[in-house]
Each structure stands twice: as C-alpha cells, then as structure tokens.
Amino acid sequence: MYGGDGQPERTKKTLNIPERYEILLVLTIGKLKESYIFEQVDPSPGSVRGWWDDHGVRHIPKRKLEDLIID
C-alpha cells in the first residue's frame, strides 16, 4: 500500500509516528525541475508509483481529494 521509498518503518521513525498507525500514502509538496504530466488514478488500494516515458517525461499519479478524506 505504501508508495514511498519502500521503507515505511524508517519513515514512521523519522517522523515520530506511533506504531499503532499505518502509513497508507505519502504526499510530496514542491515543484519539479523536469517535464511532468499528472494522471488521475483508480482509488483502489495498492502502490501508486510514477514513471518516466521514452521521451523523459515523468508521469505522476494523483488521487482525487474525495478519495483521500476519511470520514
């Protein structure tokens, strides 16, 4: 489920997140210095990773806000 660097335990330790919580996703903020395209992804659980195409353009998967809010 975790789409980060593959080491959710290291992330939890770095951010001092209690063990009772599970990291489901990581949100990055900033501006890329490369060409990129945002693509909407299916809200089903699972790893969501970006990729580069043959032209060096990075494809960045994004979920809709409604899929991220937990009631």
PDB file of N, CA and C in Angstrom:
ATOM      1  N   MET A   1       0.812  -1.205   0.000  1.00  0.00           N
ATOM      2  CA  MET A   1       0.000   0.000   0.000  1.00  0.00           C
ATOM      3  C   MET A   1       0.847   1.258   0.000  1.00  0.00           C
ATOM      4  N   TYR A   2       1.936   1.248   0.701  1.00  0.00           N
ATOM      5  CA  TYR A   2       2.796   2.414   0.830  1.00  0.00           C
ATOM      6  C   TYR A   2       3.518   2.679  -0.474  1.00  0.00           C
ATOM      7  N   GLY A   3       3.441   3.899  -0.980  1.00  0.00           N
ATOM      8  CA  GLY A   3       4.041   4.207  -2.265  1.00  0.00           C
ATOM      9  C   GLY A   3       5.319   5.009  -2.173  1.00  0.00           C
ATOM     10  N   GLY A   4       5.935   5.042  -1.003  1.00  0.00           N
ATOM     11  CA  GLY A   4       7.147   5.823  -0.823  1.00  0.00           C
ATOM     12  C   GLY A   4       8.391   5.062  -1.205  1.00  0.00           C
ATOM     13  N   ASP A   5       9.414   5.184  -0.398  1.00  0.00           N
ATOM     14  CA  ASP A   5      10.705   4.579  -0.711  1.00  0.00           C
ATOM     15  C   ASP A   5      10.773   3.100  -0.371  1.00  0.00           C
ATOM     16  N   GLY A   6       9.643   2.495   0.003  1.00  0.00           N
ATOM     17  CA  GLY A   6       9.630   1.079   0.329  1.00  0.00           C
ATOM     18  C   GLY A   6      10.018   0.790   1.763  1.00  0.00           C
ATOM     19  N   GLN A   7      10.190   1.824   2.566  1.00  0.00           N
ATOM     20  CA  GLN A   7      10.613   1.646   3.946  1.00  0.00           C
ATOM     21  C   GLN A   7       9.707   2.435   4.889  1.00  0.00           C
ATOM     22  N   PRO A   8       8.458   2.001   5.037  1.00  0.00           N
ATOM     23  CA  PRO A   8       7.527   2.759   5.890  1.00  0.00           C
ATOM     24  C   PRO A   8       7.974   2.822   7.346  1.00  0.00           C
ATOM     25  N   GLU A   9       8.669   1.806   7.838  1.00  0.00           N
ATOM     26  CA  GLU A   9       9.128   1.837   9.234  1.00  0.00           C
ATOM     27  C   GLU A   9      10.145   2.950   9.454  1.00  0.00           C
ATOM     28  N   ARG A  10      11.024   3.152   8.491  1.00  0.00           N
ATOM     29  CA  ARG A  10      12.009   4.236   8.596  1.00  0.00           C
ATOM     30  C   ARG A  10      11.301   5.591   8.583  1.00  0.00           C
ATOM     31  N   THR A  11      10.284   5.728   7.743  1.00  0.00           N
ATOM     32  CA  THR A  11       9.525   6.973   7.680  1.00  0.00           C
ATOM     33  C   THR A  11       8.802   7.237   8.993  1.00  0.00           C
ATOM     34  N   LYS A  12       8.189   6.195   9.564  1.00  0.00           N
ATOM     35  CA  LYS A  12       7.495   6.344  10.840  1.00  0.00           C
ATOM     36  C   LYS A  12       8.453   6.783  11.941  1.00  0.00           C
ATOM     37  N   LYS A  13       9.642   6.214  11.953  1.00  0.00           N
ATOM     38  CA  LYS A  13      10.639   6.576  12.968  1.00  0.00           C
ATOM     39  C   LYS A  13      11.105   8.016  12.771  1.00  0.00           C
ATOM     40  N   THR A  14      11.403   8.379  11.534  1.00  0.00           N
ATOM     41  CA  THR A  14      11.873   9.732  11.235  1.00  0.00           C
ATOM     42  C   THR A  14      10.849  10.792  11.638  1.00  0.00           C
ATOM     43  N   LEU A  15       9.567  10.505  11.386  1.00  0.00           N
ATOM     44  CA  LEU A  15       8.502  11.465  11.690  1.00  0.00           C
ATOM     45  C   LEU A  15       7.887  11.264  13.069  1.00  0.00           C
ATOM     46  N   ASN A  16       8.434  10.313  13.832  1.00  0.00           N
ATOM     47  CA  ASN A  16       7.969  10.022  15.187  1.00  0.00           C
ATOM     48  C   ASN A  16       6.471   9.678  15.201  1.00  0.00           C
ATOM     49  N   ILE A  17       6.077   8.783  14.281  1.00  0.00           N
ATOM     50  CA  ILE A  17       4.685   8.345  14.180  1.00  0.00           C
ATOM     51  C   ILE A  17       4.515   7.088  15.032  1.00  0.00           C
ATOM     52  N   PRO A  18       3.548   7.046  15.947  1.00  0.00           N
ATOM     53  CA  PRO A  18       3.344   5.876  16.804  1.00  0.00           C
ATOM     54  C   PRO A  18       3.091   4.595  15.998  1.00  0.00           C
ATOM     55  N   GLU A  19       3.498   3.462  16.554  1.00  0.00           N
ATOM     56  CA  GLU A  19       3.359   2.162  15.907  1.00  0.00           C
ATOM     57  C   GLU A  19       1.913   1.823  15.549  1.00  0.00           C
ATOM     58  N   ARG A  20       0.952   2.332  16.303  1.00  0.00           N
ATOM     59  CA  ARG A  20      -0.450   1.976  16.059  1.00  0.00           C
ATOM     60  C   ARG A  20      -0.974   2.514  14.725  1.00  0.00           C
ATOM     61  N   TYR A  21      -0.226   3.421  14.088  1.00  0.00           N
ATOM     62  CA  TYR A  21      -0.637   3.984  12.813  1.00  0.00           C
ATOM     63  C   TYR A  21       0.079   3.292  11.665  1.00  0.00           C
ATOM     64  N   GLU A  22      -0.628   3.165  10.548  1.00  0.00           N
ATOM     65  CA  GLU A  22      -0.058   2.590   9.335  1.00  0.00           C
ATOM     66  C   GLU A  22       0.017   3.685   8.276  1.00  0.00           C
ATOM     67  N   ILE A  23       1.147   3.800   7.619  1.00  0.00           N
ATOM     68  CA  ILE A  23       1.296   4.780   6.552  1.00  0.00           C
ATOM     69  C   ILE A  23       0.639   4.201   5.305  1.00  0.00           C
ATOM     70  N   LEU A  24      -0.395   4.886   4.806  1.00  0.00           N
ATOM     71  CA  LEU A  24      -1.106   4.431   3.622  1.00  0.00           C
ATOM     72  C   LEU A  24      -0.641   5.147   2.364  1.00  0.00           C
ATOM     73  N   LEU A  25      -0.215   6.378   2.504  1.00  0.00           N
ATOM     74  CA  LEU A  25       0.283   7.125   1.359  1.00  0.00           C
ATOM     75  C   LEU A  25       1.186   8.248   1.839  1.00  0.00           C
ATOM     76  N   VAL A  26       1.965   8.758   0.928  1.00  0.00           N
ATOM     77  CA  VAL A  26       2.871   9.865   1.223  1.00  0.00           C
ATOM     78  C   VAL A  26       2.557  10.987   0.247  1.00  0.00           C
ATOM     79  N   LEU A  27       2.427  12.185   0.759  1.00  0.00           N
ATOM     80  CA  LEU A  27       2.140  13.351  -0.057  1.00  0.00           C
ATOM     81  C   LEU A  27       3.403  14.188  -0.155  1.00  0.00           C
ATOM     82  N   THR A  28       3.837  14.453  -1.367  1.00  0.00           N
ATOM     83  CA  THR A  28       5.003  15.307  -1.556  1.00  0.00           C
ATOM     84  C   THR A  28       4.553  16.670  -2.054  1.00  0.00           C
ATOM     85  N   ILE A  29       5.249  17.695  -1.616  1.00  0.00           N
ATOM     86  CA  ILE A  29       4.894  19.059  -1.987  1.00  0.00           C
ATOM     87  C   ILE A  29       6.127  19.739  -2.555  1.00  0.00           C
ATOM     88  N   GLY A  30       5.958  20.419  -3.654  1.00  0.00           N
ATOM     89  CA  GLY A  30       7.077  21.130  -4.263  1.00  0.00           C
ATOM     90  C   GLY A  30       6.886  21.210  -5.765  1.00  0.00           C
ATOM     91  N   LYS A  31       7.833  21.821  -6.436  1.00  0.00           N
ATOM     92  CA  LYS A  31       7.773  21.956  -7.888  1.00  0.00           C
ATOM     93  C   LYS A  31       8.935  21.183  -8.499  1.00  0.00           C
ATOM     94  N   LEU A  32       8.610  20.328  -9.453  1.00  0.00           N
ATOM     95  CA  LEU A  32       9.634  19.532 -10.122  1.00  0.00           C
ATOM     96  C   LEU A  32      10.413  20.377 -11.116  1.00  0.00           C
ATOM     97  N   LYS A  33      11.666  20.017 -11.318  1.00  0.00           N
ATOM     98  CA  LYS A  33      12.501  20.709 -12.294  1.00  0.00           C
ATOM     99  C   LYS A  33      12.577  19.911 -13.596  1.00  0.00           C
ATOM    100  N   GLU A  34      11.583  19.101 -13.849  1.00  0.00           N
ATOM    101  CA  GLU A  34      11.554  18.275 -15.046  1.00  0.00           C
ATOM    102  C   GLU A  34      10.172  18.364 -15.685  1.00  0.00           C
ATOM    103  N   SER A  35      10.030  17.841 -16.890  1.00  0.00           N
ATOM    104  CA  SER A  35       8.719  17.807 -17.540  1.00  0.00           C
ATOM    105  C   SER A  35       7.879  16.721 -16.892  1.00  0.00           C
ATOM    106  N   TYR A  36       6.616  17.021 -16.668  1.00  0.00           N
ATOM    107  CA  TYR A  36       5.759  16.046 -15.999  1.00  0.00           C
ATOM    108  C   TYR A  36       4.312  16.185 -16.432  1.00  0.00           C
ATOM    109  N   ILE A  37       3.568  15.096 -16.224  1.00  0.00           N
ATOM    110  CA  ILE A  37       2.135  15.036 -16.501  1.00  0.00           C
ATOM    111  C   ILE A  37       1.466  14.418 -15.286  1.00  0.00           C
ATOM    112  N   PHE A  38       0.401  15.053 -14.783  1.00  0.00           N
ATOM    113  CA  PHE A  38      -0.375  14.474 -13.690  1.00  0.00           C
ATOM    114  C   PHE A  38      -1.468  13.600 -14.291  1.00  0.00           C
ATOM    115  N   GLU A  39      -1.636  12.399 -13.718  1.00  0.00           N
ATOM    116  CA  GLU A  39      -2.655  11.475 -14.203  1.00  0.00           C
ATOM    117  C   GLU A  39      -3.512  11.002 -13.048  1.00  0.00           C
ATOM    118  N   GLN A  40      -4.833  11.052 -13.218  1.00  0.00           N
ATOM    119  CA  GLN A  40      -5.745  10.568 -12.181  1.00  0.00           C
ATOM    120  C   GLN A  40      -5.655   9.047 -12.125  1.00  0.00           C
ATOM    121  N   VAL A  41      -5.638   8.493 -10.895  1.00  0.00           N
ATOM    122  CA  VAL A  41      -5.541   7.046 -10.733  1.00  0.00           C
ATOM    123  C   VAL A  41      -6.794   6.484 -10.094  1.00  0.00           C
ATOM    124  N   ASP A  42      -6.968   5.194 -10.236  1.00  0.00           N
ATOM    125  CA  ASP A  42      -8.070   4.450  -9.644  1.00  0.00           C
ATOM    126  C   ASP A  42      -7.940   4.527  -8.122  1.00  0.00           C
ATOM    127  N   PRO A  43      -9.040   4.744  -7.393  1.00  0.00           N
ATOM    128  CA  PRO A  43      -8.958   4.866  -5.935  1.00  0.00           C
ATOM    129  C   PRO A  43      -8.737   3.548  -5.198  1.00  0.00           C
ATOM    130  N   SER A  44      -8.619   2.431  -5.922  1.00  0.00           N
ATOM    131  CA  SER A  44      -8.424   1.150  -5.247  1.00  0.00           C
ATOM    132  C   SER A  44      -7.089   1.143  -4.508  1.00  0.00           C
ATOM    133  N   PRO A  45      -7.008   0.398  -3.400  1.00  0.00           N
ATOM    134  CA  PRO A  45      -5.763   0.351  -2.638  1.00  0.00           C
ATOM    135  C   PRO A  45      -4.648  -0.298  -3.435  1.00  0.00           C
ATOM    136  N   GLY A  46      -3.449   0.036  -3.085  1.00  0.00           N
ATOM    137  CA  GLY A  46      -2.282  -0.527  -3.759  1.00  0.00           C
ATOM    138  C   GLY A  46      -1.236   0.537  -3.968  1.00  0.00           C
ATOM    139  N   SER A  47      -0.106   0.116  -4.431  1.00  0.00           N
ATOM    140  CA  SER A  47       1.012   1.028  -4.658  1.00  0.00           C
ATOM    141  C   SER A  47       0.728   1.931  -5.860  1.00  0.00           C
ATOM    142  N   VAL A  48       1.044   3.187  -5.702  1.00  0.00           N
ATOM    143  CA  VAL A  48       0.885   4.152  -6.779  1.00  0.00           C
ATOM    144  C   VAL A  48       2.251   4.776  -7.004  1.00  0.00           C
ATOM    145  N   ARG A  49       2.849   4.452  -8.112  1.00  0.00           N
ATOM    146  CA  ARG A  49       4.195   4.955  -8.399  1.00  0.00           C
ATOM    147  C   ARG A  49       4.205   5.703  -9.728  1.00  0.00           C
ATOM    148  N   GLY A  50       5.031   6.729  -9.782  1.00  0.00           N
ATOM    149  CA  GLY A  50       5.215   7.463 -11.015  1.00  0.00           C
ATOM    150  C   GLY A  50       6.169   6.723 -11.934  1.00  0.00           C
ATOM    151  N   TRP A  51       6.268   7.190 -13.167  1.00  0.00           N
ATOM    152  CA  TRP A  51       7.159   6.570 -14.130  1.00  0.00           C
ATOM    153  C   TRP A  51       7.551   7.581 -15.183  1.00  0.00           C
ATOM    154  N   TRP A  52       8.622   7.286 -15.914  1.00  0.00           N
ATOM    155  CA  TRP A  52       9.108   8.126 -16.998  1.00  0.00           C
ATOM    156  C   TRP A  52       8.841   7.429 -18.320  1.00  0.00           C
ATOM    157  N   ASP A  53       8.381   8.178 -19.317  1.00  0.00           N
ATOM    158  CA  ASP A  53       8.156   7.579 -20.630  1.00  0.00           C
ATOM    159  C   ASP A  53       9.436   7.660 -21.467  1.00  0.00           C
ATOM    160  N   ASP A  54       9.357   7.221 -22.713  1.00  0.00           N
ATOM    161  CA  ASP A  54      10.529   7.171 -23.594  1.00  0.00           C
ATOM    162  C   ASP A  54      11.072   8.550 -23.953  1.00  0.00           C
ATOM    163  N   HIS A  55      10.284   9.597 -23.695  1.00  0.00           N
ATOM    164  CA  HIS A  55      10.712  10.964 -24.011  1.00  0.00           C
ATOM    165  C   HIS A  55      11.234  11.700 -22.779  1.00  0.00           C
ATOM    166  N   GLY A  56      11.377  10.987 -21.671  1.00  0.00           N
ATOM    167  CA  GLY A  56      11.889  11.592 -20.443  1.00  0.00           C
ATOM    168  C   GLY A  56      10.859  12.388 -19.665  1.00  0.00           C
ATOM    169  N   VAL A  57       9.581  12.234 -20.001  1.00  0.00           N
ATOM    170  CA  VAL A  57       8.513  12.936 -19.296  1.00  0.00           C
ATOM    171  C   VAL A  57       8.057  12.071 -18.125  1.00  0.00           C
ATOM    172  N   ARG A  58       7.997  12.673 -16.958  1.00  0.00           N
ATOM    173  CA  ARG A  58       7.571  11.940 -15.776  1.00  0.00           C
ATOM    174  C   ARG A  58       6.048  11.961 -15.672  1.00  0.00           C
ATOM    175  N   HIS A  59       5.457  10.807 -15.432  1.00  0.00           N
ATOM    176  CA  HIS A  59       4.013  10.667 -15.241  1.00  0.00           C
ATOM    177  C   HIS A  59       3.774  10.491 -13.746  1.00  0.00           C
ATOM    178  N   ILE A  60       2.994  11.419 -13.163  1.00  0.00           N
ATOM    179  CA  ILE A  60       2.790  11.446 -11.720  1.00  0.00           C
ATOM    180  C   ILE A  60       1.335  11.089 -11.420  1.00  0.00           C
ATOM    181  N   PRO A  61       1.104   9.958 -10.747  1.00  0.00           N
ATOM    182  CA  PRO A  61      -0.263   9.573 -10.413  1.00  0.00           C
ATOM    183  C   PRO A  61      -0.817  10.426  -9.278  1.00  0.00           C
ATOM    184  N   LYS A  62      -2.072  10.799  -9.404  1.00  0.00           N
ATOM    185  CA  LYS A  62      -2.742  11.613  -8.377  1.00  0.00           C
ATOM    186  C   LYS A  62      -4.103  11.018  -8.082  1.00  0.00           C
ATOM    187  N   ARG A  63      -4.463  11.022  -6.812  1.00  0.00           N
ATOM    188  CA  ARG A  63      -5.803  10.598  -6.396  1.00  0.00           C
ATOM    189  C   ARG A  63      -6.670  11.838  -6.219  1.00  0.00           C
ATOM    190  N   LYS A  64      -7.983  11.666  -6.363  1.00  0.00           N
ATOM    191  CA  LYS A  64      -8.913  12.768  -6.150  1.00  0.00           C
ATOM    192  C   LYS A  64      -9.009  13.041  -4.649  1.00  0.00           C
ATOM    193  N   LEU A  65      -9.258  14.292  -4.279  1.00  0.00           N
ATOM    194  CA  LEU A  65      -9.387  14.685  -2.880  1.00  0.00           C
ATOM    195  C   LEU A  65     -10.442  13.851  -2.166  1.00  0.00           C
ATOM    196  N   GLU A  66     -11.554  13.574  -2.840  1.00  0.00           N
ATOM    197  CA  GLU A  66     -12.626  12.783  -2.232  1.00  0.00           C
ATOM    198  C   GLU A  66     -12.160  11.390  -1.824  1.00  0.00           C
ATOM    199  N   ASP A  67     -11.167  10.857  -2.536  1.00  0.00           N
ATOM    200  CA  ASP A  67     -10.659   9.519  -2.228  1.00  0.00           C
ATOM    201  C   ASP A  67      -9.696   9.533  -1.035  1.00  0.00           C
ATOM    202  N   LEU A  68      -9.225  10.713  -0.632  1.00  0.00           N
ATOM    203  CA  LEU A  68      -8.253  10.817   0.447  1.00  0.00           C
ATOM    204  C   LEU A  68      -8.872  11.148   1.796  1.00  0.00           C
ATOM    205  N   ILE A  69     -10.058  11.738   1.791  1.00  0.00           N
ATOM    206  CA  ILE A  69     -10.681  12.172   3.044  1.00  0.00           C
ATOM    207  C   ILE A  69     -11.375  11.005   3.708  1.00  0.00           C
ATOM    208  N   ILE A  70     -11.062  10.790   4.975  1.00  0.00           N
ATOM    209  CA  ILE A  70     -11.665   9.716   5.752  1.00  0.00           C
ATOM    210  C   ILE A  70     -12.675  10.317   6.713  1.00  0.00           C
ATOM    211  N   ASP A  71     -13.926   9.876   6.599  1.00  0.00           N
ATOM    212  CA  ASP A  71     -14.976  10.391   7.495  1.00  0.00           C
ATOM    213  C   ASP A  71     -14.964   9.646   8.806  1.00  0.00           C
TER     214      ASP A  71
END
